[in-house]
Amino acid sequence: MEKKIRVIVAKAGLDGHDRGAKVIAAALRDAGMEVIYTGLRQTPEMIVEAAIQEDVDAIGISLLSGAHMTIFPRVLDLMKEKGLDDVLLFGGGIIPEDDIKKLKEMGVSELYTPGANTQEIVKFLKKWVAEHSRN
């Protein structure tokens, strides 16, 4: 039996708008993935700790607050510190194109902006996990 892909979907920072995160979580569940939605106002430390506890393949962070250049680098640092080198970090929200480029250079695998096709996100995650499977 094929192992289900496990994904954390988190809302980081003080942003209280979680519709996009819930849409992504539902799309990933509909695609057969096991999704752990952490809820609102998560810190980078809480997100990384949940990823460790849940033994996930990927962490998805939704940000609409403008704190992406603080939160994503902090999550990346914590992931390195905790040895989560085999966990994908992706995200989405209102992120300017220049910042998307910088975040990808830092190590965020993919970033999606409002209106992104959920099937493209599903395909990306399935492909990444297949190529980086820990099994």
N, C-alpha and C. Protein backbone atom coordinates (compact mmCIF):
# COMPACT_ATOMS: atom_id res chain seq x y z
N MET A 1 0.84 -1.18 0.00
CA MET A 1 0.00 0.00 0.00
C MET A 1 0.88 1.25 0.00
N GLU A 2 0.54 2.18 -0.86
CA GLU A 2 1.31 3.41 -0.98
C GLU A 2 1.10 4.31 0.24
N LYS A 3 2.20 4.85 0.75
CA LYS A 3 2.15 5.75 1.91
C LYS A 3 1.50 7.08 1.51
N LYS A 4 0.59 7.54 2.34
CA LYS A 4 -0.05 8.83 2.08
C LYS A 4 0.95 9.96 2.33
N ILE A 5 0.89 10.96 1.49
CA ILE A 5 1.71 12.15 1.68
C ILE A 5 1.10 12.92 2.86
N ARG A 6 1.96 13.29 3.80
CA ARG A 6 1.52 14.04 4.98
C ARG A 6 1.99 15.49 4.86
N VAL A 7 1.04 16.42 5.02
CA VAL A 7 1.32 17.84 4.83
C VAL A 7 0.74 18.64 5.98
N ILE A 8 1.54 19.57 6.49
CA ILE A 8 1.02 20.56 7.45
C ILE A 8 0.68 21.80 6.65
N VAL A 9 -0.50 22.35 6.89
CA VAL A 9 -0.89 23.64 6.34
C VAL A 9 -1.04 24.57 7.54
N ALA A 10 -0.29 25.67 7.51
CA ALA A 10 -0.26 26.57 8.67
C ALA A 10 -0.49 28.02 8.26
N LYS A 11 -1.13 28.74 9.13
CA LYS A 11 -1.30 30.19 9.00
C LYS A 11 -0.33 30.81 9.99
N ALA A 12 0.68 31.47 9.47
CA ALA A 12 1.72 32.04 10.33
C ALA A 12 1.47 33.51 10.61
N GLY A 13 1.90 33.94 11.77
CA GLY A 13 1.81 35.36 12.12
C GLY A 13 0.43 35.76 12.57
N LEU A 14 0.19 37.06 12.52
CA LEU A 14 -1.05 37.63 13.07
C LEU A 14 -2.21 37.69 12.09
N ASP A 15 -1.96 37.31 10.86
CA ASP A 15 -3.00 37.32 9.83
C ASP A 15 -4.13 36.36 10.21
N GLY A 16 -5.35 36.85 10.19
CA GLY A 16 -6.49 36.03 10.59
C GLY A 16 -7.35 35.54 9.44
N HIS A 17 -6.90 35.72 8.22
CA HIS A 17 -7.69 35.31 7.06
C HIS A 17 -7.20 33.94 6.58
N ASP A 18 -8.02 32.92 6.79
CA ASP A 18 -7.56 31.57 6.49
C ASP A 18 -8.32 30.85 5.38
N ARG A 19 -9.10 31.58 4.60
CA ARG A 19 -9.87 30.93 3.53
C ARG A 19 -8.95 30.22 2.55
N GLY A 20 -7.89 30.88 2.10
CA GLY A 20 -6.96 30.27 1.15
C GLY A 20 -6.31 29.01 1.70
N ALA A 21 -5.89 29.07 2.97
CA ALA A 21 -5.26 27.90 3.60
C ALA A 21 -6.25 26.74 3.65
N LYS A 22 -7.49 27.04 3.96
CA LYS A 22 -8.51 25.98 4.03
C LYS A 22 -8.82 25.41 2.64
N VAL A 23 -8.79 26.25 1.61
CA VAL A 23 -9.02 25.78 0.23
C VAL A 23 -7.89 24.83 -0.16
N ILE A 24 -6.65 25.21 0.15
CA ILE A 24 -5.50 24.35 -0.18
C ILE A 24 -5.58 23.05 0.62
N ALA A 25 -5.88 23.14 1.90
CA ALA A 25 -5.99 21.93 2.74
C ALA A 25 -7.04 20.99 2.16
N ALA A 26 -8.18 21.51 1.75
CA ALA A 26 -9.24 20.67 1.18
C ALA A 26 -8.80 20.05 -0.14
N ALA A 27 -8.12 20.82 -0.98
CA ALA A 27 -7.65 20.29 -2.27
C ALA A 27 -6.64 19.17 -2.06
N LEU A 28 -5.75 19.34 -1.09
CA LEU A 28 -4.76 18.29 -0.82
C LEU A 28 -5.43 17.04 -0.25
N ARG A 29 -6.41 17.23 0.63
CA ARG A 29 -7.17 16.08 1.16
C ARG A 29 -7.91 15.36 0.04
N ASP A 30 -8.55 16.14 -0.83
CA ASP A 30 -9.29 15.56 -1.95
C ASP A 30 -8.37 14.76 -2.88
N ALA A 31 -7.09 15.12 -2.89
CA ALA A 31 -6.11 14.43 -3.73
C ALA A 31 -5.52 13.22 -3.01
N GLY A 32 -6.03 12.91 -1.81
CA GLY A 32 -5.60 11.72 -1.10
C GLY A 32 -4.48 11.94 -0.09
N MET A 33 -4.14 13.18 0.15
CA MET A 33 -3.07 13.46 1.12
C MET A 33 -3.65 13.58 2.53
N GLU A 34 -2.82 13.31 3.49
CA GLU A 34 -3.20 13.50 4.89
C GLU A 34 -2.77 14.91 5.27
N VAL A 35 -3.72 15.75 5.64
CA VAL A 35 -3.44 17.16 5.91
C VAL A 35 -3.70 17.47 7.38
N ILE A 36 -2.73 18.13 7.99
CA ILE A 36 -2.86 18.62 9.35
C ILE A 36 -2.92 20.13 9.25
N TYR A 37 -4.08 20.70 9.56
CA TYR A 37 -4.24 22.16 9.52
C TYR A 37 -4.02 22.67 10.93
N THR A 38 -3.02 23.51 11.11
CA THR A 38 -2.64 23.97 12.45
C THR A 38 -3.48 25.12 12.97
N GLY A 39 -4.23 25.75 12.10
CA GLY A 39 -5.04 26.89 12.54
C GLY A 39 -4.28 28.20 12.44
N LEU A 40 -4.90 29.23 12.99
CA LEU A 40 -4.39 30.60 12.89
C LEU A 40 -3.28 30.90 13.88
N ARG A 41 -2.54 31.94 13.53
CA ARG A 41 -1.57 32.60 14.42
C ARG A 41 -0.46 31.68 14.94
N GLN A 42 0.09 30.89 14.04
CA GLN A 42 1.18 29.99 14.40
C GLN A 42 2.52 30.71 14.29
N THR A 43 3.42 30.41 15.21
CA THR A 43 4.78 30.93 15.13
C THR A 43 5.62 29.95 14.31
N PRO A 44 6.75 30.41 13.80
CA PRO A 44 7.63 29.46 13.10
C PRO A 44 8.00 28.27 13.99
N GLU A 45 8.24 28.52 15.26
CA GLU A 45 8.59 27.44 16.18
C GLU A 45 7.46 26.43 16.31
N MET A 46 6.23 26.91 16.39
CA MET A 46 5.07 26.01 16.49
C MET A 46 4.91 25.18 15.22
N ILE A 47 5.14 25.79 14.08
CA ILE A 47 4.99 25.10 12.80
C ILE A 47 6.03 23.99 12.67
N VAL A 48 7.28 24.30 12.96
CA VAL A 48 8.35 23.30 12.83
C VAL A 48 8.16 22.18 13.86
N GLU A 49 7.76 22.52 15.06
CA GLU A 49 7.52 21.49 16.08
C GLU A 49 6.38 20.56 15.64
N ALA A 50 5.32 21.14 15.08
CA ALA A 50 4.21 20.31 14.58
C ALA A 50 4.69 19.41 13.45
N ALA A 51 5.55 19.92 12.59
CA ALA A 51 6.08 19.11 11.49
C ALA A 51 6.86 17.92 12.01
N ILE A 52 7.63 18.14 13.07
CA ILE A 52 8.38 17.04 13.68
C ILE A 52 7.43 16.03 14.31
N GLN A 53 6.49 16.52 15.09
CA GLN A 53 5.54 15.65 15.78
C GLN A 53 4.69 14.83 14.81
N GLU A 54 4.32 15.44 13.71
CA GLU A 54 3.44 14.77 12.74
C GLU A 54 4.19 14.01 11.66
N ASP A 55 5.52 14.09 11.66
CA ASP A 55 6.36 13.39 10.69
C ASP A 55 5.88 13.65 9.25
N VAL A 56 5.83 14.92 8.89
CA VAL A 56 5.28 15.30 7.60
C VAL A 56 6.32 15.26 6.48
N ASP A 57 5.81 15.20 5.27
CA ASP A 57 6.63 15.28 4.07
C ASP A 57 6.78 16.73 3.62
N ALA A 58 5.80 17.57 3.97
CA ALA A 58 5.81 18.95 3.49
C ALA A 58 5.14 19.88 4.50
N ILE A 59 5.61 21.13 4.47
CA ILE A 59 5.02 22.21 5.27
C ILE A 59 4.56 23.27 4.28
N GLY A 60 3.28 23.64 4.38
CA GLY A 60 2.73 24.71 3.56
C GLY A 60 2.32 25.86 4.46
N ILE A 61 2.82 27.04 4.19
CA ILE A 61 2.51 28.21 5.01
C ILE A 61 1.77 29.24 4.17
N SER A 62 0.67 29.73 4.73
CA SER A 62 -0.12 30.78 4.10
C SER A 62 0.13 32.09 4.82
N LEU A 63 0.49 33.12 4.05
CA LEU A 63 0.78 34.44 4.62
C LEU A 63 0.14 35.53 3.78
N LEU A 64 -0.63 36.35 4.43
CA LEU A 64 -1.20 37.52 3.76
C LEU A 64 -0.79 38.81 4.45
N SER A 65 -0.02 38.69 5.52
CA SER A 65 0.27 39.84 6.38
C SER A 65 1.45 40.68 5.95
N GLY A 66 2.24 40.21 4.99
CA GLY A 66 3.44 40.93 4.59
C GLY A 66 4.67 40.51 5.37
N ALA A 67 4.55 39.53 6.24
CA ALA A 67 5.67 39.08 7.07
C ALA A 67 6.46 37.94 6.45
N HIS A 68 6.26 37.71 5.16
CA HIS A 68 6.88 36.56 4.49
C HIS A 68 8.41 36.59 4.52
N MET A 69 9.02 37.78 4.48
CA MET A 69 10.48 37.86 4.49
C MET A 69 11.07 37.66 5.89
N THR A 70 10.22 37.56 6.88
CA THR A 70 10.65 37.24 8.24
C THR A 70 10.31 35.79 8.58
N ILE A 71 9.08 35.40 8.29
CA ILE A 71 8.60 34.08 8.71
C ILE A 71 9.24 32.93 7.92
N PHE A 72 9.26 33.02 6.60
CA PHE A 72 9.85 31.92 5.82
C PHE A 72 11.33 31.69 6.16
N PRO A 73 12.16 32.74 6.23
CA PRO A 73 13.56 32.49 6.62
C PRO A 73 13.69 31.88 8.02
N ARG A 74 12.85 32.29 8.95
CA ARG A 74 12.91 31.72 10.30
C ARG A 74 12.52 30.24 10.27
N VAL A 75 11.49 29.89 9.52
CA VAL A 75 11.09 28.48 9.40
C VAL A 75 12.23 27.68 8.76
N LEU A 76 12.84 28.21 7.71
CA LEU A 76 13.96 27.52 7.07
C LEU A 76 15.10 27.29 8.06
N ASP A 77 15.43 28.31 8.85
CA ASP A 77 16.50 28.17 9.86
C ASP A 77 16.16 27.08 10.87
N LEU A 78 14.92 27.08 11.34
CA LEU A 78 14.49 26.07 12.31
C LEU A 78 14.50 24.66 11.70
N MET A 79 14.08 24.56 10.45
CA MET A 79 14.09 23.27 9.78
C MET A 79 15.52 22.73 9.68
N LYS A 80 16.46 23.60 9.34
CA LYS A 80 17.87 23.17 9.27
C LYS A 80 18.37 22.77 10.65
N GLU A 81 18.05 23.59 11.65
CA GLU A 81 18.47 23.33 13.03
C GLU A 81 17.94 21.99 13.54
N LYS A 82 16.71 21.64 13.16
CA LYS A 82 16.06 20.42 13.64
C LYS A 82 16.28 19.21 12.71
N GLY A 83 17.04 19.40 11.64
CA GLY A 83 17.35 18.29 10.74
C GLY A 83 16.22 17.91 9.80
N LEU A 84 15.38 18.85 9.44
CA LEU A 84 14.27 18.55 8.53
C LEU A 84 14.67 18.83 7.07
N ASP A 85 15.82 18.31 6.70
CA ASP A 85 16.34 18.52 5.35
C ASP A 85 15.51 17.81 4.29
N ASP A 86 14.75 16.80 4.71
CA ASP A 86 13.96 16.01 3.77
C ASP A 86 12.49 16.41 3.76
N VAL A 87 12.19 17.61 4.28
CA VAL A 87 10.82 18.11 4.30
C VAL A 87 10.72 19.32 3.37
N LEU A 88 9.72 19.31 2.53
CA LEU A 88 9.48 20.39 1.57
C LEU A 88 8.85 21.58 2.30
N LEU A 89 9.30 22.78 1.99
CA LEU A 89 8.65 24.00 2.47
C LEU A 89 8.11 24.74 1.27
N PHE A 90 6.80 24.95 1.27
CA PHE A 90 6.16 25.73 0.21
C PHE A 90 5.18 26.69 0.86
N GLY A 91 4.64 27.60 0.09
CA GLY A 91 3.73 28.55 0.70
C GLY A 91 2.94 29.32 -0.33
N GLY A 92 2.17 30.24 0.21
CA GLY A 92 1.36 31.06 -0.65
C GLY A 92 0.84 32.28 0.07
N GLY A 93 0.30 33.17 -0.73
CA GLY A 93 -0.27 34.39 -0.18
C GLY A 93 0.05 35.57 -1.08
N ILE A 94 -0.05 36.73 -0.50
CA ILE A 94 0.23 37.95 -1.24
C ILE A 94 1.72 38.25 -1.05
N ILE A 95 2.50 37.82 -2.04
CA ILE A 95 3.95 37.94 -1.97
C ILE A 95 4.43 38.54 -3.29
N PRO A 96 5.12 39.67 -3.24
CA PRO A 96 5.63 40.28 -4.48
C PRO A 96 6.62 39.37 -5.20
N GLU A 97 6.64 39.48 -6.53
CA GLU A 97 7.49 38.64 -7.37
C GLU A 97 8.97 38.70 -6.97
N ASP A 98 9.48 39.89 -6.65
CA ASP A 98 10.89 40.00 -6.23
C ASP A 98 11.15 39.21 -4.95
N ASP A 99 10.20 39.23 -4.02
CA ASP A 99 10.35 38.48 -2.77
C ASP A 99 10.23 36.98 -3.01
N ILE A 100 9.38 36.59 -3.95
CA ILE A 100 9.26 35.17 -4.30
C ILE A 100 10.61 34.66 -4.77
N LYS A 101 11.25 35.41 -5.64
CA LYS A 101 12.57 35.02 -6.15
C LYS A 101 13.57 34.88 -5.00
N LYS A 102 13.61 35.85 -4.09
CA LYS A 102 14.54 35.80 -2.96
C LYS A 102 14.26 34.61 -2.05
N LEU A 103 12.99 34.36 -1.77
CA LEU A 103 12.63 33.25 -0.88
C LEU A 103 12.99 31.90 -1.51
N LYS A 104 12.81 31.77 -2.81
CA LYS A 104 13.20 30.53 -3.49
C LYS A 104 14.71 30.34 -3.42
N GLU A 105 15.45 31.44 -3.57
CA GLU A 105 16.91 31.36 -3.47
C GLU A 105 17.33 30.92 -2.07
N MET A 106 16.56 31.29 -1.06
CA MET A 106 16.86 30.91 0.33
C MET A 106 16.54 29.44 0.60
N GLY A 107 15.62 28.85 -0.19
CA GLY A 107 15.29 27.45 0.02
C GLY A 107 13.82 27.11 0.09
N VAL A 108 12.93 28.09 -0.05
CA VAL A 108 11.50 27.78 -0.14
C VAL A 108 11.29 27.16 -1.52
N SER A 109 10.67 26.00 -1.57
CA SER A 109 10.57 25.25 -2.83
C SER A 109 9.66 25.90 -3.85
N GLU A 110 8.50 26.35 -3.41
CA GLU A 110 7.55 26.96 -4.33
C GLU A 110 6.64 27.90 -3.57
N LEU A 111 6.20 28.96 -4.26
CA LEU A 111 5.28 29.93 -3.66
C LEU A 111 4.16 30.21 -4.66
N TYR A 112 2.96 30.27 -4.13
CA TYR A 112 1.77 30.47 -4.95
C TYR A 112 1.07 31.74 -4.52
N THR A 113 0.56 32.46 -5.49
CA THR A 113 -0.17 33.69 -5.20
C THR A 113 -1.67 33.44 -5.37
N PRO A 114 -2.51 34.39 -4.90
CA PRO A 114 -3.96 34.19 -5.01
C PRO A 114 -4.38 33.83 -6.44
N GLY A 115 -5.27 32.87 -6.52
CA GLY A 115 -5.77 32.40 -7.82
C GLY A 115 -4.99 31.24 -8.38
N ALA A 116 -3.98 30.76 -7.65
CA ALA A 116 -3.20 29.62 -8.13
C ALA A 116 -4.10 28.41 -8.32
N ASN A 117 -3.76 27.59 -9.29
CA ASN A 117 -4.51 26.39 -9.60
C ASN A 117 -4.18 25.31 -8.57
N THR A 118 -5.17 24.86 -7.83
CA THR A 118 -4.92 23.87 -6.77
C THR A 118 -4.39 22.56 -7.34
N GLN A 119 -4.79 22.21 -8.56
CA GLN A 119 -4.29 20.97 -9.16
C GLN A 119 -2.79 21.06 -9.46
N GLU A 120 -2.31 22.25 -9.78
CA GLU A 120 -0.87 22.44 -9.99
C GLU A 120 -0.12 22.26 -8.68
N ILE A 121 -0.70 22.72 -7.57
CA ILE A 121 -0.09 22.54 -6.26
C ILE A 121 -0.04 21.05 -5.92
N VAL A 122 -1.12 20.35 -6.15
CA VAL A 122 -1.17 18.90 -5.90
C VAL A 122 -0.11 18.19 -6.72
N LYS A 123 -0.03 18.50 -8.02
CA LYS A 123 0.96 17.87 -8.90
C LYS A 123 2.38 18.14 -8.41
N PHE A 124 2.64 19.39 -8.02
CA PHE A 124 3.97 19.76 -7.53
C PHE A 124 4.34 18.94 -6.30
N LEU A 125 3.42 18.86 -5.34
CA LEU A 125 3.71 18.10 -4.11
C LEU A 125 3.93 16.62 -4.39
N LYS A 126 3.07 16.02 -5.20
CA LYS A 126 3.23 14.60 -5.52
C LYS A 126 4.56 14.33 -6.21
N LYS A 127 4.93 15.18 -7.15
CA LYS A 127 6.19 15.01 -7.87
C LYS A 127 7.37 15.15 -6.90
N TRP A 128 7.34 16.18 -6.06
CA TRP A 128 8.45 16.41 -5.13
C TRP A 128 8.60 15.24 -4.18
N VAL A 129 7.50 14.78 -3.61
CA VAL A 129 7.58 13.67 -2.65
C VAL A 129 8.07 12.41 -3.35
N ALA A 130 7.60 12.15 -4.55
CA ALA A 130 8.06 10.96 -5.28
C ALA A 130 9.57 11.01 -5.52
N GLU A 131 10.09 12.19 -5.80
CA GLU A 131 11.53 12.34 -6.07
C GLU A 131 12.37 12.35 -4.80
N HIS A 132 11.76 12.69 -3.66
CA HIS A 132 12.52 12.84 -2.42
C HIS A 132 12.03 11.91 -1.32
N SER A 133 11.39 10.83 -1.70
CA SER A 133 10.80 9.92 -0.72
C SER A 133 11.84 9.42 0.27
N ARG A 134 11.43 9.39 1.53
CA ARG A 134 12.31 8.92 2.62
C ARG A 134 12.29 7.41 2.75
N ASN A 135 11.46 6.72 1.97
CA ASN A 135 11.34 5.26 2.07
C ASN A 135 12.38 4.55 1.26
